[in-house]
Amino acid sequence: MKNQIENNQRLRKKRALRVRKHLRGTGEKPRLCVVKSNCHIQAQLIDDEKGVTLCGISTYDKHFRNTEFNRKNKASAKKLGEYIAEAAKGKNIKECVFDRGPFKYHGILAELADAARAGGLEF
């Protein structure tokens, strides 16, 4: 059982690196990194040249803590996408590179990306 878990973790890291080796964020066009766990979703705009997170939001932040958006579902993903697009506008960011990590682009990730595009981000 332990070997299977270690193998799954190794394969997950390998998938994430395969996607990320083509993506680099800059100050003008940062990387929109999305991470899903079993219960929550996180989204961050990252400048890889400086190694700095420009802005970020997750379902366990205090904005969403006591609302219906405090868990991993499509409604909260849409709200996160709207919020990250609004935060990017506040920092004069119009374009970004979408980093899905080891996750497939469907369901929750697609909902977050569509909401960010509707909010004004281009990728």
PDB file of N, CA and C in Angstrom:
ATOM      1  N   MET A   1       0.827  -1.194   0.000  1.00  0.00           N
ATOM      2  CA  MET A   1       0.000   0.000   0.000  1.00  0.00           C
ATOM      3  C   MET A   1       0.868   1.253   0.000  1.00  0.00           C
ATOM      4  N   LYS A   2       1.942   1.233   0.783  1.00  0.00           N
ATOM      5  CA  LYS A   2       2.818   2.395   0.860  1.00  0.00           C
ATOM      6  C   LYS A   2       3.492   2.670  -0.479  1.00  0.00           C
ATOM      7  N   ASN A   3       3.912   1.620  -1.173  1.00  0.00           N
ATOM      8  CA  ASN A   3       4.550   1.787  -2.479  1.00  0.00           C
ATOM      9  C   ASN A   3       3.592   2.378  -3.496  1.00  0.00           C
ATOM     10  N   GLN A   4       2.319   1.981  -3.430  1.00  0.00           N
ATOM     11  CA  GLN A   4       1.318   2.509  -4.356  1.00  0.00           C
ATOM     12  C   GLN A   4       1.089   4.003  -4.117  1.00  0.00           C
ATOM     13  N   ILE A   5       1.032   4.416  -2.873  1.00  0.00           N
ATOM     14  CA  ILE A   5       0.846   5.828  -2.537  1.00  0.00           C
ATOM     15  C   ILE A   5       2.041   6.642  -3.011  1.00  0.00           C
ATOM     16  N   GLU A   6       3.243   6.138  -2.759  1.00  0.00           N
ATOM     17  CA  GLU A   6       4.449   6.839  -3.207  1.00  0.00           C
ATOM     18  C   GLU A   6       4.496   6.932  -4.730  1.00  0.00           C
ATOM     19  N   ASN A   7       4.078   5.888  -5.418  1.00  0.00           N
ATOM     20  CA  ASN A   7       4.055   5.894  -6.872  1.00  0.00           C
ATOM     21  C   ASN A   7       3.052   6.927  -7.392  1.00  0.00           C
ATOM     22  N   ASN A   8       1.870   6.999  -6.779  1.00  0.00           N
ATOM     23  CA  ASN A   8       0.862   7.976  -7.192  1.00  0.00           C
ATOM     24  C   ASN A   8       1.360   9.397  -6.979  1.00  0.00           C
ATOM     25  N   GLN A   9       2.039   9.648  -5.870  1.00  0.00           N
ATOM     26  CA  GLN A   9       2.589  10.972  -5.608  1.00  0.00           C
ATOM     27  C   GLN A   9       3.672  11.328  -6.621  1.00  0.00           C
ATOM     28  N   ARG A  10       4.493  10.368  -6.970  1.00  0.00           N
ATOM     29  CA  ARG A  10       5.541  10.593  -7.951  1.00  0.00           C
ATOM     30  C   ARG A  10       4.944  10.918  -9.317  1.00  0.00           C
ATOM     31  N   LEU A  11       3.915  10.179  -9.710  1.00  0.00           N
ATOM     32  CA  LEU A  11       3.271  10.423 -10.997  1.00  0.00           C
ATOM     33  C   LEU A  11       2.561  11.778 -11.028  1.00  0.00           C
ATOM     34  N   ARG A  12       1.977  12.177  -9.917  1.00  0.00           N
ATOM     35  CA  ARG A  12       1.302  13.476  -9.837  1.00  0.00           C
ATOM     36  C   ARG A  12       2.304  14.619 -10.015  1.00  0.00           C
ATOM     37  N   LYS A  13       3.455  14.515  -9.337  1.00  0.00           N
ATOM     38  CA  LYS A  13       4.496  15.534  -9.488  1.00  0.00           C
ATOM     39  C   LYS A  13       5.018  15.566 -10.917  1.00  0.00           C
ATOM     40  N   LYS A  14       5.137  14.411 -11.518  1.00  0.00           N
ATOM     41  CA  LYS A  14       5.630  14.318 -12.887  1.00  0.00           C
ATOM     42  C   LYS A  14       4.661  15.004 -13.859  1.00  0.00           C
ATOM     43  N   ARG A  15       3.354  14.794 -13.672  1.00  0.00           N
ATOM     44  CA  ARG A  15       2.355  15.450 -14.518  1.00  0.00           C
ATOM     45  C   ARG A  15       2.401  16.958 -14.343  1.00  0.00           C
ATOM     46  N   ALA A  16       2.514  17.419 -13.097  1.00  0.00           N
ATOM     47  CA  ALA A  16       2.558  18.856 -12.831  1.00  0.00           C
ATOM     48  C   ALA A  16       3.790  19.487 -13.471  1.00  0.00           C
ATOM     49  N   LEU A  17       4.935  18.844 -13.373  1.00  0.00           N
ATOM     50  CA  LEU A  17       6.153  19.379 -13.974  1.00  0.00           C
ATOM     51  C   LEU A  17       6.083  19.368 -15.498  1.00  0.00           C
ATOM     52  N   ARG A  18       5.412  18.375 -16.065  1.00  0.00           N
ATOM     53  CA  ARG A  18       5.260  18.304 -17.518  1.00  0.00           C
ATOM     54  C   ARG A  18       4.457  19.506 -18.030  1.00  0.00           C
ATOM     55  N   VAL A  19       3.449  19.918 -17.280  1.00  0.00           N
ATOM     56  CA  VAL A  19       2.658  21.089 -17.665  1.00  0.00           C
ATOM     57  C   VAL A  19       3.438  22.370 -17.396  1.00  0.00           C
ATOM     58  N   ARG A  20       4.088  22.458 -16.253  1.00  0.00           N
ATOM     59  CA  ARG A  20       4.735  23.701 -15.838  1.00  0.00           C
ATOM     60  C   ARG A  20       6.040  24.002 -16.566  1.00  0.00           C
ATOM     61  N   LYS A  21       6.647  23.009 -17.199  1.00  0.00           N
ATOM     62  CA  LYS A  21       7.923  23.290 -17.870  1.00  0.00           C
ATOM     63  C   LYS A  21       7.733  24.199 -19.075  1.00  0.00           C
ATOM     64  N   HIS A  22       6.500  24.309 -19.582  1.00  0.00           N
ATOM     65  CA  HIS A  22       6.214  25.181 -20.715  1.00  0.00           C
ATOM     66  C   HIS A  22       5.683  26.539 -20.279  1.00  0.00           C
ATOM     67  N   LEU A  23       5.388  26.712 -19.007  1.00  0.00           N
ATOM     68  CA  LEU A  23       4.749  27.936 -18.521  1.00  0.00           C
ATOM     69  C   LEU A  23       5.698  28.736 -17.643  1.00  0.00           C
ATOM     70  N   ARG A  24       5.824  30.015 -17.922  1.00  0.00           N
ATOM     71  CA  ARG A  24       6.586  30.920 -17.074  1.00  0.00           C
ATOM     72  C   ARG A  24       5.783  32.196 -16.922  1.00  0.00           C
ATOM     73  N   GLY A  25       5.660  32.690 -15.723  1.00  0.00           N
ATOM     74  CA  GLY A  25       4.959  33.934 -15.480  1.00  0.00           C
ATOM     75  C   GLY A  25       5.931  35.089 -15.362  1.00  0.00           C
ATOM     76  N   THR A  26       5.527  36.245 -15.870  1.00  0.00           N
ATOM     77  CA  THR A  26       6.338  37.451 -15.753  1.00  0.00           C
ATOM     78  C   THR A  26       5.529  38.501 -15.010  1.00  0.00           C
ATOM     79  N   GLY A  27       6.113  39.664 -14.814  1.00  0.00           N
ATOM     80  CA  GLY A  27       5.408  40.737 -14.136  1.00  0.00           C
ATOM     81  C   GLY A  27       4.217  41.237 -14.922  1.00  0.00           C
ATOM     82  N   GLU A  28       4.349  41.299 -16.262  1.00  0.00           N
ATOM     83  CA  GLU A  28       3.258  41.762 -17.109  1.00  0.00           C
ATOM     84  C   GLU A  28       2.241  40.663 -17.388  1.00  0.00           C
ATOM     85  N   LYS A  29       2.710  39.429 -17.457  1.00  0.00           N
ATOM     86  CA  LYS A  29       1.841  38.282 -17.764  1.00  0.00           C
ATOM     87  C   LYS A  29       2.125  37.161 -16.767  1.00  0.00           C
ATOM     88  N   PRO A  30       1.558  37.255 -15.552  1.00  0.00           N
ATOM     89  CA  PRO A  30       1.854  36.263 -14.514  1.00  0.00           C
ATOM     90  C   PRO A  30       1.172  34.923 -14.789  1.00  0.00           C
ATOM     91  N   ARG A  31       1.547  33.947 -13.992  1.00  0.00           N
ATOM     92  CA  ARG A  31       0.991  32.596 -14.095  1.00  0.00           C
ATOM     93  C   ARG A  31      -0.170  32.470 -13.119  1.00  0.00           C
ATOM     94  N   LEU A  32      -1.338  32.066 -13.629  1.00  0.00           N
ATOM     95  CA  LEU A  32      -2.502  31.810 -12.781  1.00  0.00           C
ATOM     96  C   LEU A  32      -2.466  30.341 -12.406  1.00  0.00           C
ATOM     97  N   CYS A  33      -2.019  30.059 -11.200  1.00  0.00           N
ATOM     98  CA  CYS A  33      -1.845  28.693 -10.709  1.00  0.00           C
ATOM     99  C   CYS A  33      -3.078  28.288  -9.907  1.00  0.00           C
ATOM    100  N   VAL A  34      -3.683  27.162 -10.268  1.00  0.00           N
ATOM    101  CA  VAL A  34      -4.874  26.667  -9.580  1.00  0.00           C
ATOM    102  C   VAL A  34      -4.546  25.333  -8.936  1.00  0.00           C
ATOM    103  N   VAL A  35      -4.886  25.195  -7.666  1.00  0.00           N
ATOM    104  CA  VAL A  35      -4.634  23.973  -6.901  1.00  0.00           C
ATOM    105  C   VAL A  35      -5.947  23.514  -6.296  1.00  0.00           C
ATOM    106  N   LYS A  36      -6.236  22.219  -6.451  1.00  0.00           N
ATOM    107  CA  LYS A  36      -7.426  21.629  -5.848  1.00  0.00           C
ATOM    108  C   LYS A  36      -6.987  20.614  -4.796  1.00  0.00           C
ATOM    109  N   SER A  37      -7.687  20.614  -3.676  1.00  0.00           N
ATOM    110  CA  SER A  37      -7.504  19.552  -2.695  1.00  0.00           C
ATOM    111  C   SER A  37      -8.842  18.828  -2.572  1.00  0.00           C
ATOM    112  N   ASN A  38      -8.952  17.957  -1.609  1.00  0.00           N
ATOM    113  CA  ASN A  38     -10.209  17.237  -1.444  1.00  0.00           C
ATOM    114  C   ASN A  38     -11.347  18.155  -1.014  1.00  0.00           C
ATOM    115  N   CYS A  39     -11.033  19.238  -0.306  1.00  0.00           N
ATOM    116  CA  CYS A  39     -12.080  20.103   0.240  1.00  0.00           C
ATOM    117  C   CYS A  39     -12.054  21.529  -0.292  1.00  0.00           C
ATOM    118  N   HIS A  40     -10.932  22.002  -0.815  1.00  0.00           N
ATOM    119  CA  HIS A  40     -10.791  23.415  -1.142  1.00  0.00           C
ATOM    120  C   HIS A  40     -10.137  23.639  -2.506  1.00  0.00           C
ATOM    121  N   ILE A  41     -10.208  24.910  -2.946  1.00  0.00           N
ATOM    122  CA  ILE A  41      -9.591  25.354  -4.194  1.00  0.00           C
ATOM    123  C   ILE A  41      -8.758  26.585  -3.883  1.00  0.00           C
ATOM    124  N   GLN A  42      -7.598  26.722  -4.532  1.00  0.00           N
ATOM    125  CA  GLN A  42      -6.746  27.907  -4.398  1.00  0.00           C
ATOM    126  C   GLN A  42      -6.411  28.427  -5.784  1.00  0.00           C
ATOM    127  N   ALA A  43      -6.313  29.751  -5.901  1.00  0.00           N
ATOM    128  CA  ALA A  43      -5.877  30.373  -7.151  1.00  0.00           C
ATOM    129  C   ALA A  43      -4.903  31.495  -6.794  1.00  0.00           C
ATOM    130  N   GLN A  44      -3.779  31.547  -7.521  1.00  0.00           N
ATOM    131  CA  GLN A  44      -2.746  32.559  -7.264  1.00  0.00           C
ATOM    132  C   GLN A  44      -2.225  33.097  -8.581  1.00  0.00           C
ATOM    133  N   LEU A  45      -1.888  34.381  -8.590  1.00  0.00           N
ATOM    134  CA  LEU A  45      -1.156  34.971  -9.701  1.00  0.00           C
ATOM    135  C   LEU A  45       0.296  35.088  -9.269  1.00  0.00           C
ATOM    136  N   ILE A  46       1.208  34.444 -10.009  1.00  0.00           N
ATOM    137  CA  ILE A  46       2.599  34.315  -9.596  1.00  0.00           C
ATOM    138  C   ILE A  46       3.514  34.913 -10.657  1.00  0.00           C
ATOM    139  N   ASP A  47       4.460  35.742 -10.203  1.00  0.00           N
ATOM    140  CA  ASP A  47       5.526  36.258 -11.057  1.00  0.00           C
ATOM    141  C   ASP A  47       6.743  35.366 -10.843  1.00  0.00           C
ATOM    142  N   ASP A  48       7.044  34.518 -11.824  1.00  0.00           N
ATOM    143  CA  ASP A  48       8.134  33.551 -11.676  1.00  0.00           C
ATOM    144  C   ASP A  48       9.513  34.185 -11.794  1.00  0.00           C
ATOM    145  N   GLU A  49       9.631  35.328 -12.446  1.00  0.00           N
ATOM    146  CA  GLU A  49      10.929  35.980 -12.559  1.00  0.00           C
ATOM    147  C   GLU A  49      11.431  36.454 -11.203  1.00  0.00           C
ATOM    148  N   LYS A  50      10.535  37.023 -10.409  1.00  0.00           N
ATOM    149  CA  LYS A  50      10.903  37.505  -9.080  1.00  0.00           C
ATOM    150  C   LYS A  50      10.616  36.478  -7.990  1.00  0.00           C
ATOM    151  N   GLY A  51       9.823  35.472  -8.307  1.00  0.00           N
ATOM    152  CA  GLY A  51       9.457  34.479  -7.311  1.00  0.00           C
ATOM    153  C   GLY A  51       8.483  35.025  -6.291  1.00  0.00           C
ATOM    154  N   VAL A  52       7.506  35.818  -6.763  1.00  0.00           N
ATOM    155  CA  VAL A  52       6.580  36.520  -5.874  1.00  0.00           C
ATOM    156  C   VAL A  52       5.144  36.178  -6.251  1.00  0.00           C
ATOM    157  N   THR A  53       4.300  35.973  -5.246  1.00  0.00           N
ATOM    158  CA  THR A  53       2.872  35.835  -5.471  1.00  0.00           C
ATOM    159  C   THR A  53       2.259  37.223  -5.467  1.00  0.00           C
ATOM    160  N   LEU A  54       1.634  37.598  -6.572  1.00  0.00           N
ATOM    161  CA  LEU A  54       1.055  38.934  -6.699  1.00  0.00           C
ATOM    162  C   LEU A  54      -0.272  39.037  -5.962  1.00  0.00           C
ATOM    163  N   CYS A  55      -1.130  38.038  -6.109  1.00  0.00           N
ATOM    164  CA  CYS A  55      -2.376  37.990  -5.351  1.00  0.00           C
ATOM    165  C   CYS A  55      -2.871  36.550  -5.357  1.00  0.00           C
ATOM    166  N   GLY A  56      -3.688  36.233  -4.404  1.00  0.00           N
ATOM    167  CA  GLY A  56      -4.201  34.877  -4.295  1.00  0.00           C
ATOM    168  C   GLY A  56      -5.480  34.836  -3.490  1.00  0.00           C
ATOM    169  N   ILE A  57      -6.259  33.793  -3.716  1.00  0.00           N
ATOM    170  CA  ILE A  57      -7.518  33.603  -2.997  1.00  0.00           C
ATOM    171  C   ILE A  57      -7.778  32.103  -2.898  1.00  0.00           C
ATOM    172  N   SER A  58      -8.459  31.708  -1.863  1.00  0.00           N
ATOM    173  CA  SER A  58      -8.835  30.308  -1.708  1.00  0.00           C
ATOM    174  C   SER A  58     -10.183  30.230  -1.014  1.00  0.00           C
ATOM    175  N   THR A  59     -10.761  29.053  -1.028  1.00  0.00           N
ATOM    176  CA  THR A  59     -12.076  28.882  -0.414  1.00  0.00           C
ATOM    177  C   THR A  59     -12.001  28.899   1.106  1.00  0.00           C
ATOM    178  N   TYR A  60     -10.818  28.800   1.680  1.00  0.00           N
ATOM    179  CA  TYR A  60     -10.725  28.870   3.136  1.00  0.00           C
ATOM    180  C   TYR A  60     -10.237  30.230   3.626  1.00  0.00           C
ATOM    181  N   ASP A  61     -10.178  31.244   2.759  1.00  0.00           N
ATOM    182  CA  ASP A  61      -9.876  32.609   3.187  1.00  0.00           C
ATOM    183  C   ASP A  61     -11.042  33.170   3.990  1.00  0.00           C
ATOM    184  N   LYS A  62     -10.786  34.260   4.702  1.00  0.00           N
ATOM    185  CA  LYS A  62     -11.835  34.824   5.548  1.00  0.00           C
ATOM    186  C   LYS A  62     -12.972  35.444   4.739  1.00  0.00           C
ATOM    187  N   HIS A  63     -12.742  35.731   3.438  1.00  0.00           N
ATOM    188  CA  HIS A  63     -13.822  36.249   2.591  1.00  0.00           C
ATOM    189  C   HIS A  63     -14.940  35.222   2.433  1.00  0.00           C
ATOM    190  N   PHE A  64     -14.562  33.953   2.387  1.00  0.00           N
ATOM    191  CA  PHE A  64     -15.514  32.888   2.101  1.00  0.00           C
ATOM    192  C   PHE A  64     -15.794  31.966   3.285  1.00  0.00           C
ATOM    193  N   ARG A  65     -15.184  32.229   4.415  1.00  0.00           N
ATOM    194  CA  ARG A  65     -15.202  31.272   5.524  1.00  0.00           C
ATOM    195  C   ARG A  65     -16.613  30.901   5.984  1.00  0.00           C
ATOM    196  N   ASN A  66     -17.487  31.853   6.183  1.00  0.00           N
ATOM    197  CA  ASN A  66     -18.829  31.558   6.701  1.00  0.00           C
ATOM    198  C   ASN A  66     -19.899  31.743   5.637  1.00  0.00           C
ATOM    199  N   THR A  67     -19.573  31.433   4.392  1.00  0.00           N
ATOM    200  CA  THR A  67     -20.532  31.539   3.306  1.00  0.00           C
ATOM    201  C   THR A  67     -20.723  30.175   2.666  1.00  0.00           C
ATOM    202  N   GLU A  68     -21.560  30.137   1.633  1.00  0.00           N
ATOM    203  CA  GLU A  68     -21.762  28.870   0.928  1.00  0.00           C
ATOM    204  C   GLU A  68     -20.620  28.553  -0.031  1.00  0.00           C
ATOM    205  N   PHE A  69     -19.657  29.476  -0.161  1.00  0.00           N
ATOM    206  CA  PHE A  69     -18.528  29.288  -1.072  1.00  0.00           C
ATOM    207  C   PHE A  69     -17.278  28.775  -0.348  1.00  0.00           C
ATOM    208  N   ASN A  70     -17.403  28.150   0.809  1.00  0.00           N
ATOM    209  CA  ASN A  70     -16.240  27.712   1.580  1.00  0.00           C
ATOM    210  C   ASN A  70     -15.864  26.255   1.322  1.00  0.00           C
ATOM    211  N   ARG A  71     -16.289  25.696   0.201  1.00  0.00           N
ATOM    212  CA  ARG A  71     -15.949  24.320  -0.134  1.00  0.00           C
ATOM    213  C   ARG A  71     -15.683  24.184  -1.620  1.00  0.00           C
ATOM    214  N   LYS A  72     -15.208  23.040  -2.031  1.00  0.00           N
ATOM    215  CA  LYS A  72     -14.843  22.816  -3.431  1.00  0.00           C
ATOM    216  C   LYS A  72     -16.082  22.412  -4.221  1.00  0.00           C
ATOM    217  N   ASN A  73     -16.597  23.343  -5.029  1.00  0.00           N
ATOM    218  CA  ASN A  73     -17.668  23.051  -5.975  1.00  0.00           C
ATOM    219  C   ASN A  73     -17.622  24.081  -7.095  1.00  0.00           C
ATOM    220  N   LYS A  74     -18.485  23.937  -8.083  1.00  0.00           N
ATOM    221  CA  LYS A  74     -18.439  24.821  -9.242  1.00  0.00           C
ATOM    222  C   LYS A  74     -18.839  26.246  -8.893  1.00  0.00           C
ATOM    223  N   ALA A  75     -19.777  26.418  -7.982  1.00  0.00           N
ATOM    224  CA  ALA A  75     -20.203  27.770  -7.594  1.00  0.00           C
ATOM    225  C   ALA A  75     -19.064  28.536  -6.935  1.00  0.00           C
ATOM    226  N   SER A  76     -18.343  27.877  -6.046  1.00  0.00           N
ATOM    227  CA  SER A  76     -17.217  28.552  -5.396  1.00  0.00           C
ATOM    228  C   SER A  76     -16.063  28.770  -6.379  1.00  0.00           C
ATOM    229  N   ALA A  77     -15.882  27.875  -7.355  1.00  0.00           N
ATOM    230  CA  ALA A  77     -14.854  28.074  -8.373  1.00  0.00           C
ATOM    231  C   ALA A  77     -15.175  29.301  -9.221  1.00  0.00           C
ATOM    232  N   LYS A  78     -16.445  29.485  -9.538  1.00  0.00           N
ATOM    233  CA  LYS A  78     -16.854  30.663 -10.306  1.00  0.00           C
ATOM    234  C   LYS A  78     -16.598  31.936  -9.510  1.00  0.00           C
ATOM    235  N   LYS A  79     -16.899  31.906  -8.230  1.00  0.00           N
ATOM    236  CA  LYS A  79     -16.669  33.068  -7.368  1.00  0.00           C
ATOM    237  C   LYS A  79     -15.175  33.367  -7.256  1.00  0.00           C
ATOM    238  N   LEU A  80     -14.341  32.329  -7.136  1.00  0.00           N
ATOM    239  CA  LEU A  80     -12.887  32.529  -7.077  1.00  0.00           C
ATOM    240  C   LEU A  80     -12.366  33.141  -8.368  1.00  0.00           C
ATOM    241  N   GLY A  81     -12.886  32.686  -9.505  1.00  0.00           N
ATOM    242  CA  GLY A  81     -12.475  33.240 -10.787  1.00  0.00           C
ATOM    243  C   GLY A  81     -12.818  34.716 -10.904  1.00  0.00           C
ATOM    244  N   GLU A  82     -14.005  35.087 -10.434  1.00  0.00           N
ATOM    245  CA  GLU A  82     -14.399  36.498 -10.449  1.00  0.00           C
ATOM    246  C   GLU A  82     -13.496  37.320  -9.537  1.00  0.00           C
ATOM    247  N   TYR A  83     -13.184  36.783  -8.372  1.00  0.00           N
ATOM    248  CA  TYR A  83     -12.369  37.510  -7.410  1.00  0.00           C
ATOM    249  C   TYR A  83     -10.931  37.680  -7.898  1.00  0.00           C
ATOM    250  N   ILE A  84     -10.370  36.651  -8.497  1.00  0.00           N
ATOM    251  CA  ILE A  84      -8.979  36.740  -8.959  1.00  0.00           C
ATOM    252  C   ILE A  84      -8.885  37.699 -10.142  1.00  0.00           C
ATOM    253  N   ALA A  85      -9.922  37.763 -10.990  1.00  0.00           N
ATOM    254  CA  ALA A  85      -9.929  38.719 -12.101  1.00  0.00           C
ATOM    255  C   ALA A  85     -10.029  40.147 -11.576  1.00  0.00           C
ATOM    256  N   GLU A  86     -10.823  40.338 -10.536  1.00  0.00           N
ATOM    257  CA  GLU A  86     -10.953  41.663  -9.919  1.00  0.00           C
ATOM    258  C   GLU A  86      -9.641  42.097  -9.263  1.00  0.00           C
ATOM    259  N   ALA A  87      -8.973  41.158  -8.589  1.00  0.00           N
ATOM    260  CA  ALA A  87      -7.693  41.471  -7.958  1.00  0.00           C
ATOM    261  C   ALA A  87      -6.626  41.774  -9.007  1.00  0.00           C
ATOM    262  N   ALA A  88      -6.677  41.087 -10.136  1.00  0.00           N
ATOM    263  CA  ALA A  88      -5.721  41.336 -11.214  1.00  0.00           C
ATOM    264  C   ALA A  88      -5.948  42.722 -11.823  1.00  0.00           C
ATOM    265  N   LYS A  89      -7.208  43.115 -11.968  1.00  0.00           N
ATOM    266  CA  LYS A  89      -7.503  44.456 -12.471  1.00  0.00           C
ATOM    267  C   LYS A  89      -6.948  45.517 -11.529  1.00  0.00           C
ATOM    268  N   GLY A  90      -7.031  45.270 -10.236  1.00  0.00           N
ATOM    269  CA  GLY A  90      -6.495  46.200  -9.256  1.00  0.00           C
ATOM    270  C   GLY A  90      -4.992  46.368  -9.354  1.00  0.00           C
ATOM    271  N   LYS A  91      -4.308  45.364  -9.893  1.00  0.00           N
ATOM    272  CA  LYS A  91      -2.848  45.427 -10.066  1.00  0.00           C
ATOM    273  C   LYS A  91      -2.463  45.704 -11.522  1.00  0.00           C
ATOM    274  N   ASN A  92      -3.428  46.136 -12.339  1.00  0.00           N
ATOM    275  CA  ASN A  92      -3.226  46.465 -13.755  1.00  0.00           C
ATOM    276  C   ASN A  92      -2.691  45.286 -14.558  1.00  0.00           C
ATOM    277  N   ILE A  93      -3.225  44.097 -14.306  1.00  0.00           N
ATOM    278  CA  ILE A  93      -2.855  42.898 -15.045  1.00  0.00           C
ATOM    279  C   ILE A  93      -4.025  42.525 -15.945  1.00  0.00           C
ATOM    280  N   LYS A  94      -3.762  42.429 -17.254  1.00  0.00           N
ATOM    281  CA  LYS A  94      -4.816  42.106 -18.208  1.00  0.00           C
ATOM    282  C   LYS A  94      -4.664  40.700 -18.779  1.00  0.00           C
ATOM    283  N   GLU A  95      -3.433  40.194 -18.804  1.00  0.00           N
ATOM    284  CA  GLU A  95      -3.162  38.874 -19.368  1.00  0.00           C
ATOM    285  C   GLU A  95      -2.461  37.990 -18.340  1.00  0.00           C
ATOM    286  N   CYS A  96      -2.675  36.697 -18.468  1.00  0.00           N
ATOM    287  CA  CYS A  96      -1.968  35.744 -17.614  1.00  0.00           C
ATOM    288  C   CYS A  96      -1.822  34.427 -18.364  1.00  0.00           C
ATOM    289  N   VAL A  97      -1.045  33.521 -17.789  1.00  0.00           N
ATOM    290  CA  VAL A  97      -0.840  32.176 -18.322  1.00  0.00           C
ATOM    291  C   VAL A  97      -1.534  31.224 -17.355  1.00  0.00           C
ATOM    292  N   PHE A  98      -2.419  30.363 -17.864  1.00  0.00           N
ATOM    293  CA  PHE A  98      -3.189  29.466 -17.002  1.00  0.00           C
ATOM    294  C   PHE A  98      -2.396  28.200 -16.729  1.00  0.00           C
ATOM    295  N   ASP A  99      -2.181  27.899 -15.448  1.00  0.00           N
ATOM    296  CA  ASP A  99      -1.446  26.716 -15.010  1.00  0.00           C
ATOM    297  C   ASP A  99      -2.413  25.781 -14.293  1.00  0.00           C
ATOM    298  N   ARG A 100      -2.776  24.695 -14.953  1.00  0.00           N
ATOM    299  CA  ARG A 100      -3.734  23.761 -14.371  1.00  0.00           C
ATOM    300  C   ARG A 100      -3.062  22.725 -13.480  1.00  0.00           C
ATOM    301  N   GLY A 101      -1.743  22.661 -13.500  1.00  0.00           N
ATOM    302  CA  GLY A 101      -1.019  21.683 -12.691  1.00  0.00           C
ATOM    303  C   GLY A 101      -1.293  20.276 -13.172  1.00  0.00           C
ATOM    304  N   PRO A 102      -1.464  19.310 -12.272  1.00  0.00           N
ATOM    305  CA  PRO A 102      -1.701  17.933 -12.695  1.00  0.00           C
ATOM    306  C   PRO A 102      -3.170  17.627 -12.975  1.00  0.00           C
ATOM    307  N   PHE A 103      -4.036  18.645 -12.934  1.00  0.00           N
ATOM    308  CA  PHE A 103      -5.471  18.431 -13.049  1.00  0.00           C
ATOM    309  C   PHE A 103      -5.941  18.601 -14.488  1.00  0.00           C
ATOM    310  N   LYS A 104      -6.969  17.875 -14.877  1.00  0.00           N
ATOM    311  CA  LYS A 104      -7.548  18.015 -16.203  1.00  0.00           C
ATOM    312  C   LYS A 104      -8.350  19.314 -16.273  1.00  0.00           C
ATOM    313  N   TYR A 105      -8.394  19.876 -17.472  1.00  0.00           N
ATOM    314  CA  TYR A 105      -9.133  21.115 -17.673  1.00  0.00           C
ATOM    315  C   TYR A 105     -10.597  20.773 -17.960  1.00  0.00           C
ATOM    316  N   HIS A 106     -11.363  20.579 -16.910  1.00  0.00           N
ATOM    317  CA  HIS A 106     -12.805  20.357 -17.021  1.00  0.00           C
ATOM    318  C   HIS A 106     -13.418  20.583 -15.661  1.00  0.00           C
ATOM    319  N   GLY A 107     -14.714  20.690 -15.615  1.00  0.00           N
ATOM    320  CA  GLY A 107     -15.428  20.822 -14.359  1.00  0.00           C
ATOM    321  C   GLY A 107     -15.073  22.084 -13.603  1.00  0.00           C
ATOM    322  N   ILE A 108     -14.507  21.930 -12.430  1.00  0.00           N
ATOM    323  CA  ILE A 108     -14.210  23.048 -11.537  1.00  0.00           C
ATOM    324  C   ILE A 108     -13.155  23.970 -12.145  1.00  0.00           C
ATOM    325  N   LEU A 109     -12.115  23.416 -12.753  1.00  0.00           N
ATOM    326  CA  LEU A 109     -11.075  24.258 -13.359  1.00  0.00           C
ATOM    327  C   LEU A 109     -11.625  25.060 -14.532  1.00  0.00           C
ATOM    328  N   ALA A 110     -12.448  24.452 -15.353  1.00  0.00           N
ATOM    329  CA  ALA A 110     -13.032  25.157 -16.489  1.00  0.00           C
ATOM    330  C   ALA A 110     -13.958  26.266 -16.008  1.00  0.00           C
ATOM    331  N   GLU A 111     -14.695  26.023 -14.948  1.00  0.00           N
ATOM    332  CA  GLU A 111     -15.595  27.037 -14.390  1.00  0.00           C
ATOM    333  C   GLU A 111     -14.810  28.229 -13.852  1.00  0.00           C
ATOM    334  N   LEU A 112     -13.725  27.965 -13.148  1.00  0.00           N
ATOM    335  CA  LEU A 112     -12.878  29.040 -12.630  1.00  0.00           C
ATOM    336  C   LEU A 112     -12.260  29.839 -13.774  1.00  0.00           C
ATOM    337  N   ALA A 113     -11.770  29.154 -14.802  1.00  0.00           N
ATOM    338  CA  ALA A 113     -11.150  29.838 -15.942  1.00  0.00           C
ATOM    339  C   ALA A 113     -12.174  30.683 -16.699  1.00  0.00           C
ATOM    340  N   ASP A 114     -13.378  30.164 -16.903  1.00  0.00           N
ATOM    341  CA  ASP A 114     -14.411  30.922 -17.611  1.00  0.00           C
ATOM    342  C   ASP A 114     -14.821  32.165 -16.832  1.00  0.00           C
ATOM    343  N   ALA A 115     -14.909  32.051 -15.509  1.00  0.00           N
ATOM    344  CA  ALA A 115     -15.265  33.213 -14.683  1.00  0.00           C
ATOM    345  C   ALA A 115     -14.148  34.254 -14.708  1.00  0.00           C
ATOM    346  N   ALA A 116     -12.897  33.815 -14.718  1.00  0.00           N
ATOM    347  CA  ALA A 116     -11.777  34.758 -14.791  1.00  0.00           C
ATOM    348  C   ALA A 116     -11.759  35.467 -16.146  1.00  0.00           C
ATOM    349  N   ARG A 117     -12.070  34.727 -17.209  1.00  0.00           N
ATOM    350  CA  ARG A 117     -12.153  35.352 -18.538  1.00  0.00           C
ATOM    351  C   ARG A 117     -13.300  36.347 -18.593  1.00  0.00           C
ATOM    352  N   ALA A 118     -14.425  35.992 -18.011  1.00  0.00           N
ATOM    353  CA  ALA A 118     -15.567  36.906 -17.995  1.00  0.00           C
ATOM    354  C   ALA A 118     -15.257  38.154 -17.167  1.00  0.00           C
ATOM    355  N   GLY A 119     -14.393  38.019 -16.176  1.00  0.00           N
ATOM    356  CA  GLY A 119     -13.999  39.147 -15.338  1.00  0.00           C
ATOM    357  C   GLY A 119     -12.975  40.064 -16.000  1.00  0.00           C
ATOM    358  N   GLY A 120     -12.431  39.663 -17.156  1.00  0.00           N
ATOM    359  CA  GLY A 120     -11.520  40.538 -17.868  1.00  0.00           C
ATOM    360  C   GLY A 120     -10.108  40.004 -18.068  1.00  0.00           C
ATOM    361  N   LEU A 121      -9.767  38.866 -17.488  1.00  0.00           N
ATOM    362  CA  LEU A 121      -8.430  38.297 -17.708  1.00  0.00           C
ATOM    363  C   LEU A 121      -8.386  37.592 -19.067  1.00  0.00           C
ATOM    364  N   GLU A 122      -7.270  37.707 -19.748  1.00  0.00           N
ATOM    365  CA  GLU A 122      -7.082  37.030 -21.031  1.00  0.00           C
ATOM    366  C   GLU A 122      -5.991  35.987 -20.894  1.00  0.00           C
ATOM    367  N   PHE A 123      -6.297  34.765 -21.343  1.00  0.00           N
ATOM    368  CA  PHE A 123      -5.302  33.680 -21.420  1.00  0.00           C
ATOM    369  C   PHE A 123      -5.743  32.649 -22.402  1.00  0.00           C
TER     370      PHE A 123
END
